[in-house]
C-alpha cells in the first residue's frame, strides 16, 4: 500500500470513527499534496509525498516552539498531537549513532575538509536522511564534524 493510499484510507477510518483531529490533520496533508500536484501539474512520487509529510511535521515543530514562547501551551499541545499523528507516516527515525555514522560517510564520500564543503556533504546526505532525521540537526552535526576536520588539518599543517 502506498503512502497516498494509507493516508486516504486512514482519513476515511477517522471520519467513520469520529476522530476529528486525525481526520483534519490527514485532510490537511491530502490538501497539501493536491495543491502541489495541481501547481506543478504532476502526480507526486512516493518520495515527494514523504517530503510533504516531513514538511508538515517541520512546520508544526516550529509552531510548537512559537506557541510555547508566546505562552500558549494549549496550542502547543495540539500541534504536538498533530506531530504524533503525522509521525506515523514517516519512516523510522535515525538514531544519533546512525546519524553520526552517515555524516562521517558523507564527509568521506565527498572529500569534504572545511566548512565551505558543507553543501556538498548535505547534498550527499539529503536522499539518505529524507523523512528520517531533522535537517537542522543533521546540518549541525555536519558543521561540527567539518569544524573538527578543519582544526585537525590546521594542527597538522603547523
N, C-alpha and C. Protein backbone atom coordinates (compact mmCIF):
# COMPACT_ATOMS: atom_id res chain seq x y z
N UNK A 1 0.85 -1.18 0.00
CA UNK A 1 0.00 0.00 0.00
C UNK A 1 0.89 1.24 0.00
N UNK A 2 0.59 2.16 -0.89
CA UNK A 2 1.40 3.37 -0.97
C UNK A 2 1.06 4.32 0.18
N UNK A 3 1.92 5.29 0.38
CA UNK A 3 1.70 6.29 1.42
C UNK A 3 0.40 7.06 1.14
N UNK A 4 0.17 7.40 -0.12
CA UNK A 4 -1.05 8.11 -0.51
C UNK A 4 -2.29 7.28 -0.14
N UNK A 5 -2.25 5.98 -0.43
CA UNK A 5 -3.39 5.11 -0.12
C UNK A 5 -3.59 4.99 1.39
N UNK A 6 -2.49 4.89 2.14
CA UNK A 6 -2.60 4.80 3.60
C UNK A 6 -3.25 6.05 4.17
N UNK A 7 -2.81 7.21 3.69
CA UNK A 7 -3.37 8.47 4.20
C UNK A 7 -4.86 8.55 3.86
N UNK A 8 -5.21 8.16 2.63
CA UNK A 8 -6.62 8.19 2.21
C UNK A 8 -7.46 7.25 3.07
N UNK A 9 -7.00 6.00 3.21
CA UNK A 9 -7.74 5.00 3.99
C UNK A 9 -7.87 5.42 5.46
N UNK A 10 -6.80 5.98 6.01
CA UNK A 10 -6.83 6.40 7.41
C UNK A 10 -7.74 7.62 7.61
N UNK A 11 -7.83 8.47 6.60
CA UNK A 11 -8.75 9.61 6.68
C UNK A 11 -10.19 9.11 6.74
N UNK A 12 -10.50 8.15 5.87
CA UNK A 12 -11.84 7.56 5.84
C UNK A 12 -12.15 6.90 7.19
N UNK A 13 -11.20 6.14 7.72
CA UNK A 13 -11.40 5.46 9.01
C UNK A 13 -11.60 6.49 10.13
N UNK A 14 -10.86 7.59 10.09
CA UNK A 14 -11.00 8.63 11.12
C UNK A 14 -12.37 9.29 11.04
N UNK A 15 -12.86 9.47 9.80
CA UNK A 15 -14.20 10.06 9.62
C UNK A 15 -15.26 9.14 10.22
N UNK A 16 -15.11 7.85 9.95
CA UNK A 16 -16.10 6.88 10.45
C UNK A 16 -16.08 6.76 11.97
N UNK A 17 -14.87 6.85 12.54
CA UNK A 17 -14.75 6.67 13.99
C UNK A 17 -15.00 7.96 14.78
N UNK A 18 -15.10 9.09 14.06
CA UNK A 18 -15.35 10.36 14.73
C UNK A 18 -14.09 11.00 15.31
N UNK A 19 -12.91 10.55 14.88
CA UNK A 19 -11.64 11.11 15.34
C UNK A 19 -11.36 12.37 14.53
N UNK A 20 -11.90 13.50 15.00
CA UNK A 20 -11.83 14.74 14.21
C UNK A 20 -10.42 15.28 14.07
N UNK A 21 -9.58 15.14 15.09
CA UNK A 21 -8.22 15.65 14.99
C UNK A 21 -7.45 14.90 13.90
N UNK A 22 -7.50 13.58 13.95
CA UNK A 22 -6.81 12.75 12.95
C UNK A 22 -7.35 13.05 11.54
N UNK A 23 -8.69 13.13 11.43
CA UNK A 23 -9.32 13.43 10.14
C UNK A 23 -8.82 14.76 9.59
N UNK A 24 -8.81 15.79 10.44
CA UNK A 24 -8.41 17.12 9.99
C UNK A 24 -6.93 17.17 9.60
N UNK A 25 -6.07 16.52 10.38
CA UNK A 25 -4.64 16.52 10.08
C UNK A 25 -4.38 15.81 8.75
N UNK A 26 -5.03 14.67 8.55
CA UNK A 26 -4.82 13.91 7.31
C UNK A 26 -5.40 14.65 6.11
N UNK A 27 -6.51 15.33 6.31
CA UNK A 27 -7.07 16.13 5.21
C UNK A 27 -6.12 17.26 4.83
N UNK A 28 -5.48 17.87 5.84
CA UNK A 28 -4.53 18.94 5.55
C UNK A 28 -3.37 18.41 4.69
N UNK A 29 -2.91 17.21 5.02
CA UNK A 29 -1.82 16.60 4.25
C UNK A 29 -2.31 16.32 2.83
N UNK A 30 -3.49 15.76 2.71
CA UNK A 30 -4.04 15.47 1.38
C UNK A 30 -4.18 16.76 0.56
N UNK A 31 -4.63 17.82 1.21
CA UNK A 31 -4.77 19.10 0.51
C UNK A 31 -3.42 19.66 0.08
N UNK A 32 -2.41 19.51 0.94
CA UNK A 32 -1.06 19.99 0.60
C UNK A 32 -0.54 19.23 -0.61
N UNK A 33 -0.75 17.92 -0.63
CA UNK A 33 -0.32 17.09 -1.77
C UNK A 33 -1.07 17.52 -3.03
N UNK A 34 -2.38 17.67 -2.91
CA UNK A 34 -3.21 18.07 -4.05
C UNK A 34 -2.76 19.41 -4.61
N UNK A 35 -2.53 20.39 -3.72
CA UNK A 35 -2.14 21.73 -4.17
C UNK A 35 -0.80 21.71 -4.91
N UNK A 36 0.14 20.93 -4.43
CA UNK A 36 1.44 20.84 -5.10
C UNK A 36 1.26 20.17 -6.47
N UNK A 37 0.48 19.10 -6.50
CA UNK A 37 0.26 18.39 -7.76
C UNK A 37 -0.44 19.30 -8.78
N UNK A 38 -1.39 20.08 -8.30
CA UNK A 38 -2.12 20.97 -9.20
C UNK A 38 -1.21 22.07 -9.72
N UNK A 39 -0.38 22.63 -8.84
CA UNK A 39 0.52 23.72 -9.24
C UNK A 39 1.58 23.23 -10.23
N UNK A 40 2.11 22.04 -9.98
CA UNK A 40 3.17 21.51 -10.84
C UNK A 40 2.63 20.69 -12.01
N UNK A 41 1.33 20.40 -11.97
CA UNK A 41 0.68 19.57 -13.00
C UNK A 41 1.37 18.20 -13.14
N UNK A 42 1.66 17.61 -11.99
CA UNK A 42 2.27 16.27 -11.96
C UNK A 42 1.63 15.46 -10.83
N UNK A 43 1.88 14.16 -10.87
CA UNK A 43 1.49 13.31 -9.75
C UNK A 43 2.74 13.08 -8.92
N UNK A 44 2.66 13.39 -7.63
CA UNK A 44 3.83 13.26 -6.78
C UNK A 44 4.22 11.80 -6.59
N UNK A 45 5.52 11.56 -6.55
CA UNK A 45 6.03 10.21 -6.28
C UNK A 45 5.91 9.93 -4.78
N UNK A 46 6.14 8.70 -4.41
CA UNK A 46 6.10 8.28 -3.01
C UNK A 46 7.09 9.14 -2.19
N UNK A 47 8.27 9.35 -2.74
CA UNK A 47 9.31 10.13 -2.07
C UNK A 47 8.88 11.59 -1.89
N UNK A 48 8.22 12.14 -2.89
CA UNK A 48 7.76 13.53 -2.81
C UNK A 48 6.62 13.67 -1.80
N UNK A 49 5.76 12.66 -1.71
CA UNK A 49 4.68 12.69 -0.72
C UNK A 49 5.29 12.62 0.68
N UNK A 50 6.31 11.79 0.84
CA UNK A 50 7.03 11.71 2.11
C UNK A 50 7.60 13.08 2.46
N UNK A 51 8.11 13.78 1.46
CA UNK A 51 8.64 15.13 1.67
C UNK A 51 7.56 16.09 2.16
N UNK A 52 6.35 15.95 1.63
CA UNK A 52 5.23 16.80 2.06
C UNK A 52 4.91 16.53 3.54
N UNK A 53 4.84 15.25 3.91
CA UNK A 53 4.55 14.89 5.30
C UNK A 53 5.65 15.42 6.22
N UNK A 54 6.90 15.27 5.79
CA UNK A 54 8.04 15.77 6.57
C UNK A 54 7.94 17.27 6.76
N UNK A 55 7.58 17.98 5.71
CA UNK A 55 7.44 19.44 5.78
C UNK A 55 6.33 19.83 6.75
N UNK A 56 5.23 19.08 6.72
CA UNK A 56 4.12 19.36 7.64
C UNK A 56 4.56 19.18 9.09
N UNK A 57 5.36 18.16 9.36
CA UNK A 57 5.87 17.92 10.71
C UNK A 57 6.80 19.07 11.11
N UNK A 58 7.67 19.46 10.21
CA UNK A 58 8.62 20.55 10.49
C UNK A 58 7.88 21.84 10.82
N UNK A 59 6.85 22.15 10.02
CA UNK A 59 6.06 23.36 10.25
C UNK A 59 5.44 23.33 11.65
N UNK A 60 4.92 22.18 12.03
CA UNK A 60 4.28 22.06 13.35
C UNK A 60 5.30 22.17 14.48
N UNK A 61 6.50 21.62 14.28
CA UNK A 61 7.55 21.74 15.31
C UNK A 61 7.89 23.22 15.55
N UNK A 62 7.98 23.97 14.46
CA UNK A 62 8.26 25.41 14.59
C UNK A 62 7.11 26.11 15.31
N UNK A 63 5.89 25.68 15.02
CA UNK A 63 4.71 26.28 15.67
C UNK A 63 4.71 25.98 17.16
N UNK A 64 5.09 24.76 17.54
CA UNK A 64 5.14 24.39 18.97
C UNK A 64 6.06 25.36 19.70
N UNK A 65 7.23 25.58 19.13
CA UNK A 65 8.21 26.49 19.74
C UNK A 65 7.62 27.90 19.87
N UNK A 66 7.00 28.37 18.80
CA UNK A 66 6.42 29.72 18.80
C UNK A 66 5.29 29.83 19.84
N UNK A 67 4.44 28.82 19.90
CA UNK A 67 3.33 28.86 20.86
C UNK A 67 3.84 28.83 22.30
N UNK A 68 4.87 28.00 22.55
CA UNK A 68 5.43 27.93 23.91
C UNK A 68 6.04 29.28 24.29
N UNK A 69 6.76 29.89 23.35
CA UNK A 69 7.37 31.20 23.63
C UNK A 69 6.30 32.25 23.87
N UNK A 70 5.14 32.07 23.26
CA UNK A 70 4.03 33.01 23.42
C UNK A 70 3.11 32.67 24.57
N UNK A 71 3.46 31.63 25.33
CA UNK A 71 2.65 31.25 26.48
C UNK A 71 1.34 30.57 26.13
N UNK A 72 1.26 29.97 24.94
CA UNK A 72 0.04 29.29 24.52
C UNK A 72 0.24 27.77 24.57
N UNK A 73 0.32 27.23 25.76
CA UNK A 73 0.57 25.80 25.95
C UNK A 73 -0.53 24.95 25.32
N UNK A 74 -1.78 25.46 25.34
CA UNK A 74 -2.89 24.71 24.75
C UNK A 74 -2.68 24.47 23.26
N UNK A 75 -2.23 25.50 22.55
CA UNK A 75 -1.99 25.36 21.11
C UNK A 75 -0.75 24.51 20.84
N UNK A 76 0.27 24.64 21.69
CA UNK A 76 1.48 23.83 21.54
C UNK A 76 1.14 22.35 21.70
N UNK A 77 0.30 22.04 22.65
CA UNK A 77 -0.11 20.66 22.89
C UNK A 77 -0.87 20.09 21.70
N UNK A 78 -1.74 20.91 21.11
CA UNK A 78 -2.50 20.47 19.92
C UNK A 78 -1.54 20.18 18.75
N UNK A 79 -0.56 21.06 18.55
CA UNK A 79 0.42 20.86 17.48
C UNK A 79 1.22 19.57 17.72
N UNK A 80 1.56 19.31 18.97
CA UNK A 80 2.31 18.08 19.30
C UNK A 80 1.46 16.84 19.00
N UNK A 81 0.17 16.93 19.25
CA UNK A 81 -0.72 15.81 18.93
C UNK A 81 -0.75 15.58 17.42
N UNK A 82 -0.73 16.67 16.66
CA UNK A 82 -0.72 16.56 15.20
C UNK A 82 0.61 15.95 14.72
N UNK A 83 1.71 16.34 15.35
CA UNK A 83 3.02 15.78 15.01
C UNK A 83 3.01 14.27 15.25
N UNK A 84 2.41 13.85 16.36
CA UNK A 84 2.34 12.42 16.68
C UNK A 84 1.58 11.66 15.60
N UNK A 85 0.50 12.23 15.10
CA UNK A 85 -0.28 11.59 14.04
C UNK A 85 0.55 11.49 12.77
N UNK A 86 1.17 12.60 12.37
CA UNK A 86 1.95 12.63 11.14
C UNK A 86 3.19 11.73 11.22
N UNK A 87 3.79 11.63 12.39
CA UNK A 87 4.99 10.81 12.55
C UNK A 87 4.74 9.35 12.22
N UNK A 88 3.50 8.92 12.34
CA UNK A 88 3.15 7.55 11.98
C UNK A 88 3.29 7.26 10.49
N UNK A 89 3.44 8.31 9.69
CA UNK A 89 3.57 8.14 8.23
C UNK A 89 5.01 8.33 7.77
N UNK A 90 5.90 8.62 8.73
CA UNK A 90 7.31 8.79 8.39
C UNK A 90 8.06 7.49 8.67
N UNK A 91 9.17 7.26 7.95
CA UNK A 91 9.96 6.07 8.24
C UNK A 91 10.58 6.16 9.63
N UNK A 92 11.10 5.05 10.11
CA UNK A 92 11.76 5.00 11.41
C UNK A 92 12.86 6.06 11.45
N UNK A 93 12.88 6.86 12.50
CA UNK A 93 13.88 7.91 12.63
C UNK A 93 15.26 7.31 12.92
N UNK A 94 16.29 7.96 12.40
CA UNK A 94 17.66 7.50 12.62
C UNK A 94 18.09 7.83 14.05
N UNK A 95 18.88 6.93 14.63
CA UNK A 95 19.41 7.19 15.96
C UNK A 95 20.57 8.17 15.84
N UNK A 96 20.99 8.73 16.95
CA UNK A 96 22.10 9.67 16.96
C UNK A 96 23.37 8.99 16.43
N UNK A 97 23.57 7.75 16.82
CA UNK A 97 24.74 6.99 16.37
C UNK A 97 24.70 6.78 14.84
N UNK A 98 23.52 6.40 14.32
CA UNK A 98 23.37 6.19 12.88
C UNK A 98 23.60 7.50 12.10
N UNK A 99 23.09 8.60 12.66
CA UNK A 99 23.28 9.90 12.02
C UNK A 99 24.75 10.27 11.93
N UNK A 100 25.45 10.11 13.05
CA UNK A 100 26.88 10.45 13.08
C UNK A 100 27.66 9.59 12.08
N UNK A 101 27.29 8.31 11.97
CA UNK A 101 27.97 7.42 11.02
C UNK A 101 27.71 7.88 9.58
N UNK A 102 26.46 8.28 9.29
CA UNK A 102 26.13 8.78 7.95
C UNK A 102 26.87 10.08 7.63
N UNK A 103 26.99 10.95 8.63
CA UNK A 103 27.71 12.21 8.44
C UNK A 103 29.17 11.90 8.09
N UNK A 104 29.78 10.97 8.84
CA UNK A 104 31.17 10.58 8.56
C UNK A 104 31.31 10.00 7.15
N UNK A 105 30.34 9.17 6.77
CA UNK A 105 30.36 8.60 5.41
C UNK A 105 30.25 9.70 4.36
N UNK A 106 29.37 10.66 4.61
CA UNK A 106 29.17 11.76 3.67
C UNK A 106 30.42 12.59 3.50
N UNK A 107 31.10 12.86 4.61
CA UNK A 107 32.33 13.65 4.54
C UNK A 107 33.40 12.88 3.76
N UNK A 108 33.51 11.58 4.04
CA UNK A 108 34.49 10.75 3.33
C UNK A 108 34.15 10.66 1.84
N UNK A 109 32.88 10.45 1.52
CA UNK A 109 32.46 10.26 0.13
C UNK A 109 32.65 11.53 -0.71
N UNK A 110 32.47 12.69 -0.08
CA UNK A 110 32.58 13.94 -0.84
C UNK A 110 33.98 14.55 -0.76
N UNK A 111 34.82 14.01 0.10
CA UNK A 111 36.16 14.56 0.27
C UNK A 111 36.14 15.91 0.95
N UNK A 112 35.10 16.19 1.72
CA UNK A 112 34.95 17.48 2.40
C UNK A 112 36.03 17.64 3.46
N UNK A 113 36.58 18.87 3.55
CA UNK A 113 37.64 19.12 4.52
C UNK A 113 37.40 20.39 5.34
N UNK A 114 36.59 21.30 4.83
CA UNK A 114 36.35 22.56 5.55
C UNK A 114 34.86 22.86 5.57
N UNK A 115 34.51 23.87 6.34
CA UNK A 115 33.11 24.27 6.46
C UNK A 115 32.53 24.70 5.11
N UNK A 116 33.40 25.12 4.19
CA UNK A 116 32.93 25.53 2.86
C UNK A 116 32.36 24.35 2.07
N UNK A 117 32.69 23.14 2.49
CA UNK A 117 32.22 21.93 1.80
C UNK A 117 30.88 21.42 2.34
N UNK A 118 30.28 22.19 3.23
CA UNK A 118 29.03 21.77 3.87
C UNK A 118 27.94 21.43 2.85
N UNK A 119 27.79 22.23 1.82
CA UNK A 119 26.77 22.00 0.80
C UNK A 119 26.94 20.66 0.11
N UNK A 120 28.19 20.31 -0.18
CA UNK A 120 28.48 19.02 -0.83
C UNK A 120 28.02 17.87 0.06
N UNK A 121 28.37 17.97 1.35
CA UNK A 121 28.03 16.89 2.29
C UNK A 121 26.51 16.80 2.46
N UNK A 122 25.86 17.94 2.62
CA UNK A 122 24.40 17.94 2.80
C UNK A 122 23.70 17.40 1.55
N UNK A 123 24.24 17.73 0.38
CA UNK A 123 23.69 17.20 -0.87
C UNK A 123 23.79 15.69 -0.93
N UNK A 124 24.89 15.16 -0.43
CA UNK A 124 25.10 13.71 -0.41
C UNK A 124 24.16 13.06 0.61
N UNK A 125 23.98 13.73 1.76
CA UNK A 125 23.18 13.15 2.85
C UNK A 125 21.68 13.23 2.62
N UNK A 126 21.22 14.29 1.95
CA UNK A 126 19.78 14.54 1.82
C UNK A 126 18.95 13.33 1.41
N UNK A 127 19.30 12.62 0.33
CA UNK A 127 18.45 11.49 -0.04
C UNK A 127 18.45 10.36 1.01
N UNK A 128 19.52 10.26 1.78
CA UNK A 128 19.62 9.17 2.76
C UNK A 128 18.86 9.45 4.05
N UNK A 129 18.66 10.73 4.34
CA UNK A 129 18.01 11.07 5.61
C UNK A 129 16.58 11.54 5.42
N UNK A 130 16.12 11.70 4.18
CA UNK A 130 14.80 12.26 3.92
C UNK A 130 13.72 11.57 4.75
N UNK A 131 13.06 12.36 5.57
CA UNK A 131 11.97 11.84 6.39
C UNK A 131 12.44 11.06 7.60
N UNK A 132 13.75 10.87 7.74
CA UNK A 132 14.26 10.04 8.82
C UNK A 132 15.05 10.83 9.85
N UNK A 133 15.27 12.13 9.59
CA UNK A 133 16.01 12.97 10.52
C UNK A 133 15.71 14.43 10.23
N UNK A 134 15.83 15.25 11.25
CA UNK A 134 15.61 16.69 11.12
C UNK A 134 16.83 17.31 10.46
N UNK A 135 16.62 18.02 9.37
CA UNK A 135 17.70 18.62 8.61
C UNK A 135 18.55 19.58 9.43
N UNK A 136 17.91 20.29 10.36
CA UNK A 136 18.63 21.23 11.21
C UNK A 136 19.65 20.50 12.09
N UNK A 137 19.22 19.37 12.64
CA UNK A 137 20.10 18.56 13.49
C UNK A 137 21.27 18.02 12.66
N UNK A 138 20.95 17.51 11.47
CA UNK A 138 21.98 16.94 10.60
C UNK A 138 22.99 18.01 10.19
N UNK A 139 22.52 19.19 9.81
CA UNK A 139 23.47 20.24 9.40
C UNK A 139 24.35 20.65 10.58
N UNK A 140 23.81 20.62 11.78
CA UNK A 140 24.62 20.91 12.98
C UNK A 140 25.72 19.87 13.16
N UNK A 141 25.37 18.59 12.96
CA UNK A 141 26.36 17.52 13.08
C UNK A 141 27.44 17.64 12.00
N UNK A 142 27.02 17.96 10.79
CA UNK A 142 27.98 18.13 9.68
C UNK A 142 28.91 19.29 10.00
N UNK A 143 28.34 20.38 10.47
CA UNK A 143 29.12 21.56 10.82
C UNK A 143 30.18 21.22 11.88
N UNK A 144 29.76 20.50 12.93
CA UNK A 144 30.69 20.09 14.00
C UNK A 144 31.80 19.22 13.43
N UNK A 145 31.44 18.23 12.64
CA UNK A 145 32.43 17.31 12.09
C UNK A 145 33.41 18.03 11.18
N UNK A 146 32.91 18.96 10.35
CA UNK A 146 33.80 19.70 9.45
C UNK A 146 34.70 20.65 10.24
N UNK A 147 34.17 21.23 11.32
CA UNK A 147 34.98 22.12 12.15
C UNK A 147 36.13 21.33 12.78
N UNK A 148 35.85 20.12 13.27
CA UNK A 148 36.90 19.27 13.84
C UNK A 148 37.93 18.91 12.79
N UNK A 149 37.46 18.56 11.58
CA UNK A 149 38.36 18.20 10.49
C UNK A 149 39.23 19.40 10.11
N UNK A 150 38.63 20.59 10.10
CA UNK A 150 39.35 21.81 9.75
C UNK A 150 40.43 22.11 10.79
N UNK A 151 40.07 21.97 12.07
CA UNK A 151 41.03 22.20 13.16
C UNK A 151 42.16 21.20 13.08
N UNK A 152 41.84 19.92 12.86
CA UNK A 152 42.85 18.87 12.76
C UNK A 152 43.80 19.15 11.59
N UNK A 153 43.26 19.61 10.47
CA UNK A 153 44.08 19.90 9.30
C UNK A 153 45.03 21.05 9.58
N UNK A 154 44.57 22.07 10.31
CA UNK A 154 45.42 23.20 10.64
C UNK A 154 46.52 22.80 11.61
N UNK A 155 46.18 21.93 12.58
CA UNK A 155 47.18 21.47 13.55
C UNK A 155 48.27 20.66 12.87
N UNK A 156 47.89 19.83 11.90
CA UNK A 156 48.85 19.03 11.17
C UNK A 156 49.72 19.92 10.31
N UNK A 157 49.13 20.97 9.75
CA UNK A 157 49.83 21.86 8.85
C UNK A 157 50.86 22.75 9.56
N UNK A 158 50.72 22.94 10.86
CA UNK A 158 51.64 23.82 11.57
C UNK A 158 52.75 23.10 12.22
